[in-house]
Amino acid sequence: MREAARTAGTGAALRILAVEVLVQRAALSQEMFLTDQGKRAAQEAQSYYSLEVDFKVASKSKYPKWVNKKEQMKGFFPRPEQAFRGLHFSEPPQFRFERKSASSAFLDAEPVTLGIWLISDRLKVLFEKLDLDAFVFQKVEVDYGDAPNPGPDFWFVYIMRTLDCIDEEHSVINYFDNIPGIKNYRALIDVRMRPEAVGAAHAFRLTYAKSTLIVDDIIVTALKADKIRGFEFAPIQK
């Protein structure tokens, strides 16, 4: 048992070290963007992904119920440029969790509505380390119902940063064409970014596809290293 404990402790330490290295890399990338050489190197090296639901693990988890959703959504009209799309909280969102079985684990991330995600406390800490300026958070009250053990604290998260950063001339994109004079992306097939527009950002929305959440390889690698559950990462570059 002691050997198993030592092995588990070593694995946890390695994961923490990996995340710390990624955080340092994120800070270094900010310095690199101060030079043209850094911009060119970042353009060649950086990979980007759309942040989506991992339905493989979501199907095995009991989806939490937003208890006071009706009251908090009353009179709501979505405004993508505002925090939580303009949703205001006179009181904290209240969620009730129930496990299907004693062995089913709570996810770190679950979609709520309109680009708002419910995330665990440890994922919030990780997001703050990697790209604090990208996100806004709202604390959630949690009732764990019949769960044998209480789970983590949870938060709403919304990506506030919106960028017009795609190099459309060198990208393959499908556009919506049903509204004349209005540009919107239908599908990102093979995308190249403009590094001067991305800057040091690691997470953002797109001006012409506001419901699409974009993260770079620094965030993807960090989430995988910390075994974050609930996200799937779809590459937008070939």
Protein backbone atom coordinates (compact mmCIF):
# COMPACT_ATOMS: atom_id res chain seq x y z
CA MET A 1 0.00 0.00 0.00
CA ARG A 2 2.89 2.35 0.77
CA GLU A 3 4.33 1.68 -2.68
CA ALA A 4 0.96 2.45 -4.29
CA ALA A 5 0.72 5.68 -2.32
CA ARG A 6 4.22 6.69 -3.39
CA THR A 7 3.34 5.93 -7.04
CA ALA A 8 0.12 7.95 -6.84
CA GLY A 9 1.97 10.83 -5.23
CA THR A 10 4.61 10.77 -7.94
CA GLY A 11 1.96 10.82 -10.66
CA ALA A 12 0.21 13.81 -9.08
CA ALA A 13 3.52 15.64 -8.73
CA LEU A 14 4.33 15.04 -12.40
CA ARG A 15 0.94 16.40 -13.45
CA ILE A 16 1.47 19.52 -11.34
CA LEU A 17 4.95 19.96 -12.84
CA ALA A 18 3.55 19.61 -16.37
CA VAL A 19 0.95 22.29 -15.72
CA GLU A 20 3.56 24.62 -14.21
CA VAL A 21 5.75 24.17 -17.31
CA LEU A 22 2.79 25.05 -19.54
CA VAL A 23 2.02 28.14 -17.46
CA GLN A 24 5.66 29.21 -17.84
CA ARG A 25 5.40 28.58 -21.59
CA ALA A 26 2.29 30.76 -21.73
CA ALA A 27 4.17 33.57 -19.99
CA LEU A 28 7.12 33.14 -22.36
CA SER A 29 4.85 33.32 -25.38
CA GLN A 30 3.64 36.72 -24.19
CA GLU A 31 7.23 37.97 -24.27
CA MET A 32 7.80 36.46 -27.72
CA PHE A 33 4.94 38.44 -29.20
CA LEU A 34 6.89 41.64 -28.54
CA THR A 35 9.13 40.86 -31.54
CA ASP A 36 8.38 40.16 -35.20
CA GLN A 37 10.52 37.03 -34.98
CA GLY A 38 8.37 35.79 -32.11
CA LYS A 39 5.22 36.44 -34.12
CA ARG A 40 6.49 34.41 -37.06
CA ALA A 41 7.63 31.55 -34.82
CA ALA A 42 4.30 31.51 -33.01
CA GLN A 43 2.38 31.43 -36.29
CA GLU A 44 4.29 28.36 -37.40
CA ALA A 45 4.19 26.52 -34.07
CA GLN A 46 0.78 27.32 -32.57
CA SER A 47 -2.18 25.00 -33.05
CA TYR A 48 -5.82 25.91 -32.39
CA TYR A 49 -8.92 23.92 -31.48
CA SER A 50 -12.62 24.49 -31.02
CA LEU A 51 -13.77 23.68 -27.50
CA GLU A 52 -16.67 21.20 -27.57
CA VAL A 53 -18.59 18.77 -25.37
CA ASP A 54 -17.01 15.36 -24.79
CA PHE A 55 -20.16 13.28 -25.24
CA LYS A 56 -18.28 10.06 -24.43
CA VAL A 57 -17.90 11.04 -20.78
CA ALA A 58 -21.00 13.26 -20.62
CA SER A 59 -23.23 10.27 -21.35
CA LYS A 60 -21.89 8.51 -18.24
CA SER A 61 -22.44 11.45 -15.92
CA LYS A 62 -25.66 12.56 -14.28
CA TYR A 63 -26.34 15.99 -15.73
CA PRO A 64 -26.83 18.60 -12.98
CA LYS A 65 -30.13 20.43 -12.71
CA TRP A 66 -30.17 24.23 -12.65
CA VAL A 67 -32.77 24.67 -9.92
CA ASN A 68 -33.42 28.42 -10.21
CA LYS A 69 -32.93 28.67 -13.98
CA LYS A 70 -36.49 29.82 -14.71
CA GLU A 71 -36.22 32.78 -12.35
CA GLN A 72 -32.76 33.79 -13.58
CA MET A 73 -33.62 33.50 -17.29
CA LYS A 74 -36.81 35.56 -16.97
CA GLY A 75 -36.69 38.49 -19.38
CA PHE A 76 -33.26 37.44 -20.60
CA PHE A 77 -32.14 38.54 -24.08
CA PRO A 78 -28.71 37.28 -25.23
CA ARG A 79 -25.96 39.87 -25.81
CA PRO A 80 -22.73 38.05 -26.77
CA GLU A 81 -20.50 41.03 -26.00
CA GLN A 82 -21.55 41.07 -22.33
CA ALA A 83 -20.47 38.73 -19.54
CA PHE A 84 -22.60 35.57 -19.58
CA ARG A 85 -24.37 37.01 -22.64
CA GLY A 86 -26.03 39.65 -20.47
CA LEU A 87 -27.35 37.20 -17.89
CA HIS A 88 -27.37 38.86 -14.46
CA PHE A 89 -27.48 37.02 -11.15
CA SER A 90 -29.48 38.57 -8.31
CA GLU A 91 -28.54 35.41 -6.42
CA PRO A 92 -26.04 32.61 -7.19
CA PRO A 93 -27.14 29.95 -9.69
CA GLN A 94 -28.24 26.85 -7.76
CA PHE A 95 -27.48 23.35 -9.05
CA ARG A 96 -28.45 19.92 -7.82
CA PHE A 97 -26.20 16.96 -8.64
CA GLU A 98 -27.11 13.31 -8.39
CA ARG A 99 -24.82 10.42 -9.24
CA LYS A 100 -26.09 7.45 -11.19
CA SER A 101 -23.89 5.25 -9.04
CA ALA A 102 -21.28 5.58 -6.32
CA SER A 103 -18.52 5.08 -8.91
CA SER A 104 -19.56 7.78 -11.40
CA ALA A 105 -17.38 10.88 -11.13
CA PHE A 106 -18.45 14.48 -11.50
CA LEU A 107 -17.17 16.17 -14.64
CA ASP A 108 -14.95 19.25 -14.59
CA ALA A 109 -16.90 20.93 -17.39
CA GLU A 110 -20.49 20.71 -18.59
CA PRO A 111 -22.30 23.04 -21.03
CA VAL A 112 -25.11 25.12 -19.55
CA THR A 113 -26.50 27.45 -22.22
CA LEU A 114 -25.33 29.88 -24.93
CA GLY A 115 -21.60 29.34 -24.44
CA ILE A 116 -21.78 29.31 -20.64
CA TRP A 117 -20.10 26.31 -19.00
CA LEU A 118 -20.32 24.87 -15.51
CA ILE A 119 -16.77 24.11 -14.36
CA SER A 120 -15.07 22.68 -11.29
CA ASP A 121 -12.98 24.74 -8.92
CA ARG A 122 -9.74 23.10 -10.08
CA LEU A 123 -10.51 23.96 -13.71
CA LYS A 124 -11.20 27.57 -12.72
CA VAL A 125 -7.78 27.73 -11.06
CA LEU A 126 -6.15 26.33 -14.19
CA PHE A 127 -7.91 28.79 -16.50
CA GLU A 128 -6.81 31.68 -14.28
CA LYS A 129 -3.20 30.52 -14.45
CA LEU A 130 -3.18 30.10 -18.22
CA ASP A 131 -5.15 33.12 -19.45
CA LEU A 132 -6.83 35.14 -16.71
CA ASP A 133 -8.03 37.95 -18.99
CA ALA A 134 -10.03 35.60 -21.23
CA PHE A 135 -12.60 34.44 -18.68
CA VAL A 136 -15.27 35.70 -16.31
CA PHE A 137 -16.59 33.53 -13.47
CA GLN A 138 -19.72 33.30 -11.31
CA LYS A 139 -19.81 31.14 -8.16
CA VAL A 140 -22.50 28.45 -8.11
CA GLU A 141 -24.29 26.95 -5.10
CA VAL A 142 -24.26 23.16 -5.25
CA ASP A 143 -26.55 20.56 -3.66
CA TYR A 144 -25.09 17.08 -4.07
CA GLY A 145 -28.30 15.25 -3.26
CA ASP A 146 -27.77 11.52 -2.74
CA ALA A 147 -24.06 11.53 -3.65
CA PRO A 148 -22.08 9.42 -1.13
CA ASN A 149 -19.42 12.15 -0.83
CA PRO A 150 -19.62 15.89 -1.54
CA GLY A 151 -17.92 17.01 -4.71
CA PRO A 152 -15.96 20.13 -5.64
CA ASP A 153 -17.09 23.74 -5.75
CA PHE A 154 -18.43 24.84 -9.13
CA TRP A 155 -18.52 28.02 -11.19
CA PHE A 156 -20.08 29.42 -14.33
CA VAL A 157 -17.44 30.45 -16.87
CA TYR A 158 -17.77 32.55 -20.00
CA ILE A 159 -15.05 33.50 -22.49
CA MET A 160 -15.22 37.28 -22.80
CA ARG A 161 -12.39 37.89 -25.26
CA THR A 162 -13.54 38.17 -28.88
CA LEU A 163 -11.03 38.47 -31.74
CA ASP A 164 -11.15 39.09 -35.48
CA CYS A 165 -7.96 37.13 -36.02
CA ILE A 166 -8.42 34.64 -38.86
CA ASP A 167 -6.30 35.07 -41.98
CA GLU A 168 -9.21 34.48 -44.34
CA GLU A 169 -7.08 34.74 -47.47
CA HIS A 170 -5.04 31.70 -46.43
CA SER A 171 -7.84 29.74 -44.70
CA VAL A 172 -10.58 27.39 -45.86
CA ILE A 173 -13.90 28.54 -44.36
CA ASN A 174 -17.56 27.91 -45.12
CA TYR A 175 -19.71 31.02 -44.71
CA PHE A 176 -23.40 31.48 -44.04
CA ASP A 177 -24.84 33.12 -47.14
CA ASN A 178 -28.50 33.47 -46.17
CA ILE A 179 -28.16 37.05 -44.86
CA PRO A 180 -26.79 39.43 -47.53
CA GLY A 181 -24.15 41.84 -46.26
CA ILE A 182 -23.56 40.01 -42.97
CA LYS A 183 -20.49 37.80 -42.57
CA ASN A 184 -20.65 34.71 -40.37
CA TYR A 185 -18.55 31.55 -40.39
CA ARG A 186 -20.45 28.30 -40.85
CA ALA A 187 -17.47 25.93 -40.55
CA LEU A 188 -13.74 26.34 -39.90
CA ILE A 189 -12.13 23.75 -42.16
CA ASP A 190 -8.46 24.74 -42.32
CA VAL A 191 -7.69 27.97 -40.50
CA ARG A 192 -4.65 30.21 -40.24
CA MET A 193 -4.46 32.90 -37.59
CA ARG A 194 -3.02 36.40 -37.82
CA PRO A 195 -0.52 36.44 -34.94
CA GLU A 196 -0.64 40.22 -34.59
CA ALA A 197 -4.39 39.93 -33.91
CA VAL A 198 -4.11 36.94 -31.55
CA GLY A 199 -1.25 38.43 -29.55
CA ALA A 200 -0.67 36.46 -26.33
CA ALA A 201 -4.26 35.14 -26.14
CA HIS A 202 -4.79 31.43 -25.49
CA ALA A 203 -8.61 31.39 -25.37
CA PHE A 204 -11.12 33.51 -27.30
CA ARG A 205 -14.28 33.71 -29.36
CA LEU A 206 -14.41 34.74 -33.00
CA THR A 207 -15.99 37.97 -34.17
CA TYR A 208 -17.77 36.16 -37.00
CA ALA A 209 -18.61 32.98 -35.09
CA LYS A 210 -19.37 34.09 -31.54
CA SER A 211 -20.66 30.71 -30.39
CA THR A 212 -17.36 29.03 -31.36
CA LEU A 213 -14.88 28.80 -28.49
CA ILE A 214 -11.23 28.65 -29.54
CA VAL A 215 -8.27 27.50 -27.44
CA ASP A 216 -4.64 26.92 -28.38
CA ASP A 217 -2.38 23.94 -27.82
CA ILE A 218 -1.06 25.38 -24.55
CA ILE A 219 -4.50 25.16 -22.95
CA VAL A 220 -5.27 21.79 -24.54
CA THR A 221 -2.03 20.25 -23.28
CA ALA A 222 -2.54 21.68 -19.79
CA LEU A 223 -6.10 20.36 -19.51
CA LYS A 224 -5.02 16.91 -20.67
CA ALA A 225 -2.05 16.88 -18.28
CA ASP A 226 -4.36 17.70 -15.37
CA LYS A 227 -6.89 15.07 -16.55
CA ILE A 228 -9.72 17.58 -16.93
CA ARG A 229 -12.93 15.77 -17.93
CA GLY A 230 -15.78 17.17 -20.03
CA PHE A 231 -14.10 18.84 -23.01
CA GLU A 232 -13.32 17.58 -26.49
CA PHE A 233 -10.89 19.49 -28.70
CA ALA A 234 -11.58 19.61 -32.45
CA PRO A 235 -8.60 20.83 -34.52
CA ILE A 236 -9.39 23.68 -36.91
CA GLN A 237 -6.14 23.27 -38.85
CA LYS A 238 -5.06 20.47 -41.16
